[in-house]
Protein backbone atom coordinates (compact mmCIF):
# COMPACT_ATOMS: atom_id res chain seq x y z
CA MET A 1 84.63 127.14 112.15
CA LYS A 2 86.51 127.78 108.90
CA LEU A 3 85.38 131.14 107.31
CA ASP A 4 84.72 131.25 103.60
CA ARG A 5 85.91 134.40 101.79
CA LYS A 6 83.25 134.41 99.03
CA GLU A 7 80.41 133.93 101.54
CA ILE A 8 81.73 136.93 103.58
CA LEU A 9 81.75 138.99 100.45
CA LYS A 10 78.32 138.06 99.72
CA ALA A 11 77.04 138.80 103.22
CA LEU A 12 78.94 142.31 103.01
CA GLU A 13 76.44 143.21 100.12
CA THR A 14 73.67 143.55 102.80
CA ILE A 15 75.30 146.47 104.61
CA THR A 16 76.16 150.13 103.62
CA ILE A 17 78.44 152.76 104.83
CA ALA A 18 76.65 155.66 106.45
CA GLY A 19 76.00 158.36 103.87
CA GLU A 20 76.45 156.06 100.77
CA GLY A 21 73.50 154.66 98.80
CA LYS A 22 75.38 151.48 97.54
CA ASN A 23 76.33 148.42 99.62
CA MET A 24 80.04 148.16 100.62
CA VAL A 25 80.89 145.81 97.79
CA GLU A 26 79.12 147.40 95.10
CA SER A 27 80.42 150.82 95.97
CA GLY A 28 84.00 149.50 95.88
CA ALA A 29 84.54 150.29 99.63
CA VAL A 30 85.53 146.68 100.20
CA THR A 31 88.90 146.30 98.52
CA ASN A 32 89.83 142.82 99.86
CA VAL A 33 88.75 140.07 102.19
CA VAL A 34 91.26 137.42 103.44
CA THR A 35 90.44 134.48 105.57
CA PHE A 36 92.58 132.20 107.73
CA GLY A 37 90.58 129.43 109.34
CA ASP A 38 88.42 131.35 111.93
CA GLU A 39 89.99 134.66 111.14
CA ALA A 40 88.73 137.13 108.64
CA VAL A 41 90.66 140.48 107.62
CA VAL A 42 88.49 143.17 105.76
CA ASP A 43 90.26 146.04 103.80
CA LEU A 44 87.82 148.87 103.55
CA VAL A 45 88.35 152.28 101.84
CA ILE A 46 85.96 155.04 102.91
CA SER A 47 85.72 158.69 101.65
CA THR A 48 85.24 160.51 104.96
CA PRO A 49 87.71 160.81 107.83
CA ALA A 50 84.77 161.11 110.38
CA MET A 51 85.46 158.87 113.39
CA HIS A 52 81.93 157.80 113.92
CA ILE A 53 81.46 156.67 110.42
CA LYS A 54 84.73 154.55 110.55
CA LYS A 55 83.67 153.13 113.99
CA ARG A 56 80.16 152.29 112.64
CA ALA A 57 81.55 150.64 109.50
CA GLU A 58 83.91 148.50 111.53
CA ASP A 59 81.23 147.51 114.06
CA ASP A 60 78.68 146.58 111.35
CA ILE A 61 81.32 144.28 109.66
CA ARG A 62 82.30 142.51 112.95
CA LYS A 63 78.63 142.14 114.01
CA LEU A 64 77.66 140.69 110.60
CA ILE A 65 80.39 138.02 110.59
CA HIS A 66 79.74 137.11 114.20
CA GLU A 67 75.87 136.74 113.61
CA ARG A 68 76.14 135.02 110.14
CA PHE A 69 79.14 132.60 110.62
CA SER A 70 80.52 132.43 114.14
CA PRO A 71 80.40 134.43 117.29
CA ASP A 72 83.90 133.35 118.03
CA ALA A 73 85.34 134.47 114.61
CA LYS A 74 88.35 136.85 114.85
CA VAL A 75 87.63 139.81 112.86
CA LYS A 76 90.14 142.64 111.81
CA VAL A 77 88.88 145.62 109.72
CA ASN A 78 91.65 147.83 108.12
CA ILE A 79 90.04 151.09 107.16
CA LYS A 80 91.87 153.58 104.69
CA VAL A 81 90.52 157.04 104.38
CA GLU A 82 90.69 158.43 100.65
CA THR A 83 89.21 161.74 100.42
CA PRO A 84 88.17 162.77 96.75
CA GLU A 85 89.86 165.83 95.50
CA LYS A 86 87.36 168.51 95.59
CA SER A 87 86.76 170.52 92.53
CA ASN A 88 86.68 174.27 92.90
CA PRO A 89 83.65 175.63 91.00
CA ASN A 90 85.36 179.02 90.72
CA GLU A 91 88.60 177.66 89.24
CA ILE A 92 89.12 177.88 85.53
CA LYS A 93 90.69 174.86 84.02
CA GLY A 94 93.47 175.51 81.64
CA LYS A 95 92.66 174.06 78.25
CA ALA A 96 92.08 175.05 74.63
CA ILE A 97 88.66 175.74 73.11
CA PRO A 98 88.13 173.36 70.10
CA GLY A 99 87.72 175.53 66.86
CA ILE A 100 89.59 178.44 68.01
CA SER A 101 92.91 179.02 66.27
CA ASN A 102 94.42 182.11 67.98
CA ILE A 103 93.57 183.80 71.33
CA ILE A 104 94.78 187.43 71.56
CA ALA A 105 94.76 189.21 74.84
CA VAL A 106 94.28 193.05 74.54
CA ALA A 107 95.61 194.63 77.70
CA SER A 108 96.55 198.06 79.21
CA GLY A 109 98.44 199.01 82.18
CA LYS A 110 95.84 201.71 83.17
CA GLY A 111 92.21 202.64 82.42
CA GLY A 112 91.13 205.34 79.92
CA VAL A 113 93.76 204.60 77.25
CA GLY A 114 91.29 203.25 74.75
CA LYS A 115 91.94 199.55 75.08
CA SER A 116 88.30 198.47 74.45
CA THR A 117 88.10 200.90 71.52
CA VAL A 118 91.19 199.19 69.92
CA THR A 119 89.78 195.95 70.55
CA ALA A 120 86.65 196.54 68.84
CA ASN A 121 88.25 198.22 65.87
CA LEU A 122 90.70 195.17 65.54
CA ALA A 123 87.84 192.89 65.62
CA VAL A 124 85.90 194.45 62.79
CA THR A 125 88.97 195.14 60.71
CA LEU A 126 89.92 191.32 60.94
CA ALA A 127 86.40 190.42 60.04
CA LYS A 128 86.71 192.55 56.96
CA MET A 129 89.83 190.83 56.10
CA GLY A 130 87.89 187.54 55.89
CA PHE A 131 88.72 186.18 59.35
CA LYS A 132 86.17 184.69 61.63
CA VAL A 133 86.44 186.74 64.93
CA GLY A 134 85.07 186.45 68.31
CA VAL A 135 85.40 188.95 71.24
CA LEU A 136 85.19 187.95 74.93
CA ASP A 137 84.63 191.09 77.06
CA ALA A 138 86.63 190.13 80.17
CA ASP A 139 86.32 193.56 81.74
CA ILE A 140 83.82 192.22 84.39
CA TYR A 141 83.58 195.52 86.27
CA GLY A 142 83.44 197.62 83.25
CA PRO A 143 82.06 195.87 80.20
CA SER A 144 81.83 198.16 77.08
CA MET A 145 81.52 195.78 74.09
CA PRO A 146 77.73 195.84 74.21
CA ILE A 147 77.78 199.59 73.75
CA MET A 148 80.50 199.65 71.13
CA PHE A 149 78.60 197.08 69.07
CA ASP A 150 75.15 198.45 69.62
CA VAL A 151 73.90 195.34 71.12
CA GLU A 152 72.99 196.57 74.55
CA ASN A 153 69.52 195.25 74.59
CA GLU A 154 70.67 191.81 73.20
CA LYS A 155 70.81 188.61 75.21
CA PRO A 156 72.63 185.30 74.29
CA ILE A 157 70.31 182.46 73.63
CA SER A 158 70.65 178.80 74.72
CA VAL A 159 71.46 176.27 72.04
CA THR A 160 72.02 172.64 72.25
CA VAL A 161 75.35 171.23 71.07
CA ASP A 162 76.24 167.68 71.22
CA GLY A 163 73.58 167.20 73.82
CA LYS A 164 74.73 170.02 76.15
CA SER A 165 73.06 173.37 76.59
CA LYS A 166 75.39 176.33 75.57
CA MET A 167 75.18 179.97 75.21
CA LYS A 168 75.25 181.34 71.67
CA PRO A 169 77.16 184.45 71.52
CA VAL A 170 75.56 187.72 70.28
CA GLU A 171 76.57 188.62 66.81
CA ALA A 172 77.09 192.03 65.29
CA TYR A 173 79.05 192.96 62.28
CA GLU A 174 80.11 189.34 61.79
CA ILE A 175 81.60 189.37 65.22
CA LYS A 176 80.58 186.87 67.98
CA LEU A 177 80.45 188.58 71.37
CA LEU A 178 80.06 187.66 74.91
CA SER A 179 80.13 190.18 77.87
CA ILE A 180 78.91 190.21 81.46
CA GLY A 181 77.03 193.39 80.17
CA PHE A 182 74.43 191.13 78.48
CA PHE A 183 73.48 189.75 81.89
CA THR A 184 73.29 192.97 83.84
CA ALA A 185 71.20 196.13 83.69
CA PRO A 186 73.18 199.21 82.15
CA SER A 187 72.93 200.86 85.59
CA GLN A 188 73.70 197.86 87.61
CA ALA A 189 77.19 197.67 89.37
CA VAL A 190 78.93 194.33 89.31
CA ILE A 191 79.97 193.91 93.01
CA TRP A 192 81.77 190.63 92.88
CA ARG A 193 84.86 189.13 94.61
CA GLY A 194 87.46 187.40 92.44
CA PRO A 195 86.03 183.93 92.58
CA MET A 196 82.57 185.04 91.44
CA ALA A 197 84.19 186.99 88.48
CA SER A 198 86.28 183.84 87.61
CA LYS A 199 83.13 181.70 87.71
CA ALA A 200 81.43 184.10 85.33
CA LEU A 201 84.32 184.10 82.94
CA ASN A 202 84.49 180.27 83.09
CA GLN A 203 80.86 180.13 81.84
CA MET A 204 81.38 182.65 78.97
CA ILE A 205 84.54 180.70 77.98
CA PHE A 206 83.62 177.08 78.12
CA ASP A 207 79.80 177.09 78.16
CA ALA A 208 79.49 179.07 75.05
CA ASP A 209 79.11 177.90 71.36
CA TRP A 210 81.94 179.82 69.76
CA GLY A 211 82.12 177.64 66.76
CA GLN A 212 85.16 178.07 64.45
CA LEU A 213 87.21 181.23 64.97
CA ASP A 214 90.45 182.32 63.48
CA PHE A 215 90.84 184.91 66.28
CA MET A 216 89.29 185.49 69.68
CA LEU A 217 90.16 188.72 71.10
CA ILE A 218 89.94 189.00 74.91
CA ASP A 219 89.33 192.57 76.22
CA LEU A 220 91.00 192.50 79.57
CA PRO A 221 90.37 194.91 82.34
CA PRO A 222 93.09 197.56 83.12
CA GLY A 223 96.02 196.69 85.29
CA THR A 224 97.62 193.26 86.29
CA GLY A 225 95.28 191.63 88.59
CA ASP A 226 93.10 188.68 89.47
CA ILE A 227 91.12 188.61 86.19
CA HIS A 228 94.30 188.46 84.10
CA LEU A 229 95.66 185.43 86.12
CA SER A 230 92.20 183.80 85.75
CA ILE A 231 92.19 184.29 82.01
CA MET A 232 95.79 183.04 81.51
CA GLN A 233 94.84 180.11 83.87
CA SER A 234 91.94 179.34 81.73
CA LEU A 235 93.27 179.48 78.22
CA PRO A 236 96.47 179.17 76.40
CA ILE A 237 96.94 182.66 75.19
CA THR A 238 98.59 182.90 71.76
CA GLY A 239 99.98 186.37 72.43
CA ALA A 240 99.14 189.79 74.09
CA VAL A 241 98.67 193.21 72.63
CA VAL A 242 99.31 196.19 74.95
CA VAL A 243 97.71 199.60 74.45
CA SER A 244 99.00 202.71 75.91
CA THR A 245 98.81 206.45 75.34
CA PRO A 246 102.05 208.40 74.92
CA GLN A 247 102.34 210.17 78.32
CA ALA A 248 104.75 208.94 80.98
CA VAL A 249 102.05 207.97 83.47
CA ALA A 250 100.42 205.64 80.96
CA LEU A 251 103.84 204.13 79.71
CA ALA A 252 104.83 203.34 83.25
CA ASP A 253 101.74 201.19 83.62
CA ALA A 254 102.16 199.78 80.13
CA LYS A 255 105.62 198.60 80.99
CA LYS A 256 104.19 196.68 83.92
CA GLY A 257 101.67 195.08 81.74
CA VAL A 258 104.36 193.84 79.27
CA SER A 259 106.56 192.65 82.20
CA MET A 260 103.50 190.68 83.49
CA PHE A 261 103.15 188.75 80.16
CA LEU A 262 106.91 188.22 79.78
CA SER A 263 107.45 187.06 83.30
CA GLU A 264 109.06 183.59 83.53
CA ALA A 265 106.03 182.19 85.34
CA ILE A 266 103.45 183.38 82.83
CA ASN A 267 105.46 183.58 79.52
CA VAL A 268 102.81 184.91 77.13
CA PRO A 269 104.45 186.31 73.95
CA VAL A 270 103.80 190.01 73.60
CA LEU A 271 102.87 190.68 69.91
CA GLY A 272 103.38 194.34 70.35
CA ILE A 273 102.35 197.78 71.71
CA ILE A 274 99.66 200.08 70.15
CA GLU A 275 99.88 203.83 70.82
CA ASN A 276 96.51 205.24 71.05
CA MET A 277 95.61 208.98 71.04
CA ALA A 278 99.11 209.36 69.46
CA TYR A 279 98.46 212.79 67.85
CA PHE A 280 95.57 215.29 67.07
CA THR A 281 94.88 216.26 63.56
CA PRO A 282 92.19 219.03 63.10
CA ALA A 283 89.67 218.24 60.26
CA GLU A 284 90.50 221.62 58.86
CA LEU A 285 94.28 221.02 58.96
CA PRO A 286 94.45 217.39 57.76
CA GLU A 287 98.32 217.65 57.26
CA ASN A 288 99.07 218.86 60.80
CA LYS A 289 99.75 216.75 63.78
CA TYR A 290 99.71 217.77 67.26
CA TYR A 291 101.25 215.50 69.77
CA ILE A 292 99.10 216.59 72.78
CA PHE A 293 100.14 213.75 75.18
CA GLY A 294 103.74 213.57 74.02
CA GLN A 295 105.53 212.22 70.96
CA HIS A 296 106.37 208.56 70.26
CA GLY A 297 106.24 207.41 73.90
CA ALA A 298 104.84 204.03 73.33
CA LYS A 299 107.10 203.48 70.20
CA ASN A 300 110.23 204.27 72.40
CA LEU A 301 108.91 202.11 75.11
CA ALA A 302 108.60 199.16 72.53
CA GLU A 303 112.03 199.67 71.52
CA ASP A 304 113.34 199.69 75.14
CA LEU A 305 111.46 196.45 75.92
CA GLU A 306 112.47 194.91 72.55
CA VAL A 307 108.89 194.07 71.49
CA PRO A 308 107.27 195.17 68.13
CA PHE A 309 105.63 198.41 67.78
CA LEU A 310 102.29 197.94 66.01
CA GLY A 311 101.34 201.40 65.18
CA GLU A 312 99.66 204.70 66.15
CA VAL A 313 95.96 205.54 66.49
CA PRO A 314 95.39 209.37 66.19
CA LEU A 315 93.05 211.33 68.53
CA VAL A 316 90.10 211.64 66.20
CA GLN A 317 86.52 212.62 67.20
CA SER A 318 84.99 210.08 64.82
CA ILE A 319 86.60 207.28 66.70
CA ARG A 320 84.90 208.23 69.89
CA GLU A 321 81.63 209.05 68.28
CA ALA A 322 81.71 205.72 66.42
CA GLY A 323 82.08 203.83 69.67
CA ASP A 324 79.49 205.68 71.34
CA TYR A 325 76.98 204.95 68.39
CA GLY A 326 77.98 201.32 68.35
CA ARG A 327 79.56 201.19 65.07
CA PRO A 328 83.41 200.87 65.23
CA ALA A 329 85.22 203.58 63.26
CA ALA A 330 87.28 201.19 61.22
CA MET A 331 84.02 200.31 59.38
CA GLN A 332 84.07 203.77 57.79
CA THR A 333 84.98 202.90 54.28
CA ALA A 334 87.82 204.85 52.57
CA SER A 335 88.39 206.83 55.72
CA PRO A 336 91.77 207.69 57.28
CA VAL A 337 90.76 205.74 60.43
CA GLU A 338 90.03 202.74 58.33
CA LYS A 339 93.45 202.92 56.88
CA VAL A 340 95.11 203.35 60.32
CA PHE A 341 93.48 200.23 61.76
CA GLU A 342 94.11 198.07 58.68
CA GLU A 343 97.80 198.75 58.95
CA ILE A 344 97.72 198.03 62.71
CA THR A 345 95.71 194.87 62.15
CA ARG A 346 97.99 193.64 59.42
CA GLU A 347 100.82 193.94 61.93
CA VAL A 348 99.01 192.06 64.60
CA VAL A 349 98.27 189.20 61.91
CA GLN A 350 101.98 189.24 60.94
CA GLN A 351 103.28 189.02 64.45
CA THR A 352 100.82 186.28 65.20
CA VAL A 353 102.04 184.27 62.09
CA ASN A 354 105.64 185.06 63.18
CA ARG A 355 104.94 183.85 66.73
CA ASN A 356 103.20 180.58 65.56
CA LYS A 357 106.05 179.80 63.26
CA THR A 358 108.99 180.29 65.88
CA LEU A 359 107.45 179.60 69.27
CA PRO A 360 105.69 176.43 70.73
CA PRO A 361 102.10 176.82 71.80
CA THR A 362 101.65 178.83 74.92
CA GLU A 363 100.61 176.78 77.98
CA ALA A 364 97.90 177.87 80.34
CA ILE A 365 99.25 178.66 83.89
CA LYS A 366 98.19 177.09 87.20
CA ILE A 367 97.80 179.12 90.14
CA THR A 368 98.48 177.77 93.61
CA THR A 369 98.82 179.01 97.07
CA MET A 370 101.68 178.05 99.28
CA ALA A 371 102.28 179.25 102.91
CA GLY A 372 99.87 182.07 102.26
CA CYS A 373 101.65 183.48 99.23
CA SER A 374 100.42 183.23 95.63
CA ALA A 375 102.46 181.27 93.34
CA VAL A 376 102.31 180.69 89.72
CA LYS A 377 103.42 177.78 87.60
CA LYS A 378 102.95 176.40 84.12
CA THR A 379 100.67 173.46 83.27
CA ASN A 380 99.76 171.55 80.12
């Protein structure tokens, strides 16, 4: 008996591959049917390498052709396994966020140098200059932005954007904010491994309605670890600002932070270094400066590393108090602190402009694992 290709294809519509809802033809599993007289060759692609699934599919096809057309038909089934690439829900894809012009990472080599305080004051100063600003608190294990902006009891609400549900960032002082602190109790410790932290960041970055922003500031955790790589894997960072205090132990870690950003594999431009707690000036002696932690340490480091020095922030009680009260010190009109942060912020803006004029857009990085060792490479 001469077999007909079209009739065999139609007959194959009556059987399915185990675990799939559609029939073999509709699902695309049958890629080709060839007939030569009483011979039929069926090419099949399945998504599972399980031996019993392959065997059952082959037996079903052979049985169908023998029963429907000829018990003497010679049937050959070629099965190819193509396992679909599994997406990692904890992986953050590298892509830009529409509507955000510049993404600035604010980092420090070690904790306690005032990185979050600097981030908050840069944000409000940028907003006072007329820029649209957002802050992503990426310090998963020690979020502080809800306190610094006096929004500890606020919660992001859900909004619908283009048919999709998104988080609306909390707003304070014309700054859009998202932090893991909005989703945990103040006394609750965040005890997460890296993948869980990356997933939380992924949601705050891409499942949020950030809208149009001139600047997004990312308050990174101290050090040079997994969160930093996740952020740089997720987003094309325009540039990084490194915060340090003047003493040698802080400068040693700040140097490592700069080195991380400038490494060949990561290659994020460093916009400059800010020296926090640079000197102490008593209120009763406004002309005096006492260099408690050393003098010009961060400035000298910037010169040694050939990166811009963005300015000094004095050790002033009002800066600490303002952060604790949830009203960043740079909002104090006509105060010395306001002037300091205006000068530093202008330097950050100028370095961002210079960077965008002279360098191509930064690429996100792709992190892979090879032979048990972490590797980092660039990706578009």
